[in-house]
Amino acid sequence: MHRILVLHGPNLNALGTREPEIYGHDSLADVDERLRRLGAELQVEVECLQSNHEGVLIDALYQARGRFAGVLLNAGGLTHTSVALRDAVVAAGLPVVEVHVSNPHARESFRHRSTLSGAALAVVQGFGPDSYLLALRGLAARLAHGVQA
């Protein structure tokens, strides 16, 4: 059974209450529970971690090597600013799917650039909290077919 790490970045702990017109009404706990249930259906184990601190996310990526087959990463605002997080995505050597609840390209211009996309296996965005579920389905399918980073 493949293990998949889900990393939620800054402010995602406020899902459900922060700008619900953009991010929806599901809490982060709701999203994590839906991911675990879908993971069980897909026969993958899902472990979730949220942090508002860039270094915690970077450490988690390095620690994922040898423990997880892939990563779903919603880096929040760090998506647009963190070269260090991008470097950790590359160095982890795991397939990483970049996830966004909203569509960054339909928002402010500073959100149109991602430092992570070029290092990611794929990007899923704009489907609300279902973006995570679509990303999990895609990553699980790729892992089942032997995809590497």
C-alpha atoms as a PDB file:
ATOM      1  CA  MET A   1       0.000   0.000   0.000  1.00  0.00           C
ATOM      2  CA  HIS A   2       1.388   3.400  -1.007  1.00  0.00           C
ATOM      3  CA  ARG A   3       1.595   6.144   1.589  1.00  0.00           C
ATOM      4  CA  ILE A   4       0.835   9.717   0.565  1.00  0.00           C
ATOM      5  CA  LEU A   5       1.697  12.787   2.604  1.00  0.00           C
ATOM      6  CA  VAL A   6      -0.630  15.785   2.385  1.00  0.00           C
ATOM      7  CA  LEU A   7       0.981  19.081   3.352  1.00  0.00           C
ATOM      8  CA  HIS A   8      -1.212  22.114   3.999  1.00  0.00           C
ATOM      9  CA  GLY A   9       0.623  25.421   4.239  1.00  0.00           C
ATOM     10  CA  PRO A  10      -0.032  28.776   5.883  1.00  0.00           C
ATOM     11  CA  ASN A  11      -3.593  29.831   6.662  1.00  0.00           C
ATOM     12  CA  LEU A  12      -5.136  26.562   5.519  1.00  0.00           C
ATOM     13  CA  ASN A  13      -5.987  25.862   9.148  1.00  0.00           C
ATOM     14  CA  ALA A  14      -8.613  28.598   8.627  1.00  0.00           C
ATOM     15  CA  LEU A  15     -10.454  26.740   5.844  1.00  0.00           C
ATOM     16  CA  GLY A  16     -14.185  27.011   6.333  1.00  0.00           C
ATOM     17  CA  THR A  17     -13.999  30.396   8.027  1.00  0.00           C
ATOM     18  CA  ARG A  18     -11.456  32.378   5.981  1.00  0.00           C
ATOM     19  CA  GLU A  19     -13.046  33.928   2.892  1.00  0.00           C
ATOM     20  CA  PRO A  20     -15.627  31.169   2.393  1.00  0.00           C
ATOM     21  CA  GLU A  21     -16.696  32.791  -0.878  1.00  0.00           C
ATOM     22  CA  ILE A  22     -13.258  31.814  -2.234  1.00  0.00           C
ATOM     23  CA  TYR A  23     -12.294  28.749  -0.199  1.00  0.00           C
ATOM     24  CA  GLY A  24     -15.673  27.227   0.644  1.00  0.00           C
ATOM     25  CA  HIS A  25     -17.175  26.124   3.936  1.00  0.00           C
ATOM     26  CA  ASP A  26     -15.338  22.817   4.510  1.00  0.00           C
ATOM     27  CA  SER A  27     -12.914  22.944   7.427  1.00  0.00           C
ATOM     28  CA  LEU A  28      -9.403  21.524   7.161  1.00  0.00           C
ATOM     29  CA  ALA A  29     -10.548  18.626   9.367  1.00  0.00           C
ATOM     30  CA  ASP A  30     -13.348  17.964   6.849  1.00  0.00           C
ATOM     31  CA  VAL A  31     -10.857  17.954   3.976  1.00  0.00           C
ATOM     32  CA  ASP A  32      -8.466  15.643   5.835  1.00  0.00           C
ATOM     33  CA  GLU A  33     -11.281  13.216   6.666  1.00  0.00           C
ATOM     34  CA  ARG A  34     -12.456  13.156   3.050  1.00  0.00           C
ATOM     35  CA  LEU A  35      -8.872  12.494   1.927  1.00  0.00           C
ATOM     36  CA  ARG A  36      -8.480   9.600   4.354  1.00  0.00           C
ATOM     37  CA  ARG A  37     -11.787   8.051   3.248  1.00  0.00           C
ATOM     38  CA  LEU A  38     -10.878   8.373  -0.422  1.00  0.00           C
ATOM     39  CA  GLY A  39      -7.416   7.023   0.319  1.00  0.00           C
ATOM     40  CA  ALA A  40      -8.962   3.904   1.830  1.00  0.00           C
ATOM     41  CA  GLU A  41     -11.070   3.440  -1.319  1.00  0.00           C
ATOM     42  CA  LEU A  42      -7.976   3.886  -3.502  1.00  0.00           C
ATOM     43  CA  GLN A  43      -5.920   1.614  -1.248  1.00  0.00           C
ATOM     44  CA  VAL A  44      -3.445   4.316  -0.281  1.00  0.00           C
ATOM     45  CA  GLU A  45      -2.661   5.511   3.225  1.00  0.00           C
ATOM     46  CA  VAL A  46      -2.999   9.275   3.708  1.00  0.00           C
ATOM     47  CA  GLU A  47      -1.209  11.278   6.389  1.00  0.00           C
ATOM     48  CA  CYS A  48      -1.950  15.007   6.723  1.00  0.00           C
ATOM     49  CA  LEU A  49       0.080  17.848   8.224  1.00  0.00           C
ATOM     50  CA  GLN A  50      -0.681  21.570   8.356  1.00  0.00           C
ATOM     51  CA  SER A  51       1.790  24.264   9.326  1.00  0.00           C
ATOM     52  CA  ASN A  52       1.939  28.026   9.102  1.00  0.00           C
ATOM     53  CA  HIS A  53       5.733  27.766   9.144  1.00  0.00           C
ATOM     54  CA  GLU A  54       7.786  27.325   5.988  1.00  0.00           C
ATOM     55  CA  GLY A  55      10.573  25.407   7.731  1.00  0.00           C
ATOM     56  CA  VAL A  56       8.148  22.792   9.063  1.00  0.00           C
ATOM     57  CA  LEU A  57       6.929  22.125   5.514  1.00  0.00           C
ATOM     58  CA  ILE A  58      10.499  21.917   4.225  1.00  0.00           C
ATOM     59  CA  ASP A  59      11.467  19.508   7.016  1.00  0.00           C
ATOM     60  CA  ALA A  60       8.387  17.385   6.294  1.00  0.00           C
ATOM     61  CA  LEU A  61       9.369  17.073   2.624  1.00  0.00           C
ATOM     62  CA  TYR A  62      12.868  15.863   3.526  1.00  0.00           C
ATOM     63  CA  GLN A  63      11.504  13.475   6.157  1.00  0.00           C
ATOM     64  CA  ALA A  64       9.037  12.061   3.615  1.00  0.00           C
ATOM     65  CA  ARG A  65      11.857  10.428   1.647  1.00  0.00           C
ATOM     66  CA  GLY A  66      11.744   6.692   2.196  1.00  0.00           C
ATOM     67  CA  ARG A  67       8.478   6.934   4.148  1.00  0.00           C
ATOM     68  CA  PHE A  68       6.007   8.133   1.506  1.00  0.00           C
ATOM     69  CA  ALA A  69       5.502   7.387  -2.171  1.00  0.00           C
ATOM     70  CA  GLY A  70       4.265  10.895  -3.004  1.00  0.00           C
ATOM     71  CA  VAL A  71       3.051  14.222  -1.692  1.00  0.00           C
ATOM     72  CA  LEU A  72       0.075  16.527  -2.173  1.00  0.00           C
ATOM     73  CA  LEU A  73       1.233  20.069  -1.384  1.00  0.00           C
ATOM     74  CA  ASN A  74      -0.942  23.127  -0.923  1.00  0.00           C
ATOM     75  CA  ALA A  75       1.697  25.662   0.038  1.00  0.00           C
ATOM     76  CA  GLY A  76      -0.805  28.517   0.317  1.00  0.00           C
ATOM     77  CA  GLY A  77       0.877  31.899  -0.112  1.00  0.00           C
ATOM     78  CA  LEU A  78       4.333  30.273  -0.052  1.00  0.00           C
ATOM     79  CA  THR A  79       3.522  28.980  -3.537  1.00  0.00           C
ATOM     80  CA  HIS A  80       4.287  32.422  -4.924  1.00  0.00           C
ATOM     81  CA  THR A  81       7.329  33.316  -2.839  1.00  0.00           C
ATOM     82  CA  SER A  82       9.347  30.380  -1.556  1.00  0.00           C
ATOM     83  CA  VAL A  83      12.373  29.274  -3.520  1.00  0.00           C
ATOM     84  CA  ALA A  84      13.428  27.282  -0.439  1.00  0.00           C
ATOM     85  CA  LEU A  85      10.210  25.257  -0.523  1.00  0.00           C
ATOM     86  CA  ARG A  86      10.648  24.632  -4.261  1.00  0.00           C
ATOM     87  CA  ASP A  87      14.198  23.432  -3.636  1.00  0.00           C
ATOM     88  CA  ALA A  88      12.888  21.015  -0.991  1.00  0.00           C
ATOM     89  CA  VAL A  89      10.281  19.668  -3.429  1.00  0.00           C
ATOM     90  CA  VAL A  90      13.068  18.914  -5.899  1.00  0.00           C
ATOM     91  CA  ALA A  91      15.446  17.514  -3.272  1.00  0.00           C
ATOM     92  CA  ALA A  92      12.809  15.238  -1.738  1.00  0.00           C
ATOM     93  CA  GLY A  93      12.857  13.217  -4.955  1.00  0.00           C
ATOM     94  CA  LEU A  94       9.159  12.303  -4.651  1.00  0.00           C
ATOM     95  CA  PRO A  95       6.287  12.944  -7.032  1.00  0.00           C
ATOM     96  CA  VAL A  96       4.568  16.073  -5.717  1.00  0.00           C
ATOM     97  CA  VAL A  97       1.187  17.369  -6.848  1.00  0.00           C
ATOM     98  CA  GLU A  98       0.630  21.079  -6.247  1.00  0.00           C
ATOM     99  CA  VAL A  99      -2.908  21.722  -4.997  1.00  0.00           C
ATOM    100  CA  HIS A 100      -4.947  24.919  -4.754  1.00  0.00           C
ATOM    101  CA  VAL A 101      -8.521  25.269  -3.551  1.00  0.00           C
ATOM    102  CA  SER A 102      -9.049  28.403  -5.637  1.00  0.00           C
ATOM    103  CA  ASN A 103      -7.808  29.180  -9.141  1.00  0.00           C
ATOM    104  CA  PRO A 104      -4.817  31.475  -8.551  1.00  0.00           C
ATOM    105  CA  HIS A 105      -4.981  32.711 -12.163  1.00  0.00           C
ATOM    106  CA  ALA A 106      -8.473  34.096 -11.558  1.00  0.00           C
ATOM    107  CA  ARG A 107      -7.240  36.143  -8.610  1.00  0.00           C
ATOM    108  CA  GLU A 108      -4.707  38.902  -7.940  1.00  0.00           C
ATOM    109  CA  SER A 109      -1.785  39.100 -10.349  1.00  0.00           C
ATOM    110  CA  PHE A 110       0.780  38.287  -7.646  1.00  0.00           C
ATOM    111  CA  ARG A 111      -0.865  34.845  -7.344  1.00  0.00           C
ATOM    112  CA  HIS A 112      -0.351  34.029 -11.040  1.00  0.00           C
ATOM    113  CA  ARG A 113       3.236  32.858 -10.572  1.00  0.00           C
ATOM    114  CA  SER A 114       4.073  29.616  -8.790  1.00  0.00           C
ATOM    115  CA  THR A 115       7.609  28.800  -7.730  1.00  0.00           C
ATOM    116  CA  LEU A 116       6.490  25.165  -7.304  1.00  0.00           C
ATOM    117  CA  SER A 117       4.718  24.246 -10.545  1.00  0.00           C
ATOM    118  CA  GLY A 118       7.880  23.572 -12.523  1.00  0.00           C
ATOM    119  CA  ALA A 119       9.029  21.084  -9.902  1.00  0.00           C
ATOM    120  CA  ALA A 120       5.646  19.385  -9.495  1.00  0.00           C
ATOM    121  CA  LEU A 121       4.359  16.280 -11.237  1.00  0.00           C
ATOM    122  CA  ALA A 122       1.021  18.039 -11.739  1.00  0.00           C
ATOM    123  CA  VAL A 123      -1.098  20.964 -10.560  1.00  0.00           C
ATOM    124  CA  VAL A 124      -4.769  20.729  -9.534  1.00  0.00           C
ATOM    125  CA  GLN A 125      -6.557  23.986  -8.788  1.00  0.00           C
ATOM    126  CA  GLY A 126      -9.867  25.764  -8.766  1.00  0.00           C
ATOM    127  CA  PHE A 127     -12.216  22.951  -7.710  1.00  0.00           C
ATOM    128  CA  GLY A 128     -12.610  24.085  -4.105  1.00  0.00           C
ATOM    129  CA  PRO A 129     -11.751  21.467  -1.494  1.00  0.00           C
ATOM    130  CA  ASP A 130     -12.380  18.819  -4.169  1.00  0.00           C
ATOM    131  CA  SER A 131      -9.040  19.878  -5.660  1.00  0.00           C
ATOM    132  CA  TYR A 132      -7.408  17.734  -2.986  1.00  0.00           C
ATOM    133  CA  LEU A 133      -9.543  14.715  -3.882  1.00  0.00           C
ATOM    134  CA  LEU A 134      -8.832  15.079  -7.600  1.00  0.00           C
ATOM    135  CA  ALA A 135      -5.121  15.378  -6.849  1.00  0.00           C
ATOM    136  CA  LEU A 136      -5.211  12.280  -4.651  1.00  0.00           C
ATOM    137  CA  ARG A 137      -6.961  10.292  -7.381  1.00  0.00           C
ATOM    138  CA  GLY A 138      -4.402  11.410  -9.936  1.00  0.00           C
ATOM    139  CA  LEU A 139      -1.377  10.726  -7.761  1.00  0.00           C
ATOM    140  CA  ALA A 140      -2.680   7.323  -6.654  1.00  0.00           C
ATOM    141  CA  ALA A 141      -3.235   6.357 -10.293  1.00  0.00           C
ATOM    142  CA  ARG A 142       0.244   7.478 -11.306  1.00  0.00           C
ATOM    143  CA  LEU A 143       1.813   5.601  -8.376  1.00  0.00           C
ATOM    144  CA  ALA A 144      -0.140   2.471  -9.342  1.00  0.00           C
ATOM    145  CA  HIS A 145       1.495   2.752 -12.773  1.00  0.00           C
ATOM    146  CA  GLY A 146       4.967   3.125 -11.313  1.00  0.00           C
ATOM    147  CA  VAL A 147       5.561   6.843 -11.738  1.00  0.00           C
ATOM    148  CA  GLN A 148       8.688   8.244 -10.114  1.00  0.00           C
ATOM    149  CA  ALA A 149       9.486  11.849  -9.172  1.00  0.00           C
END
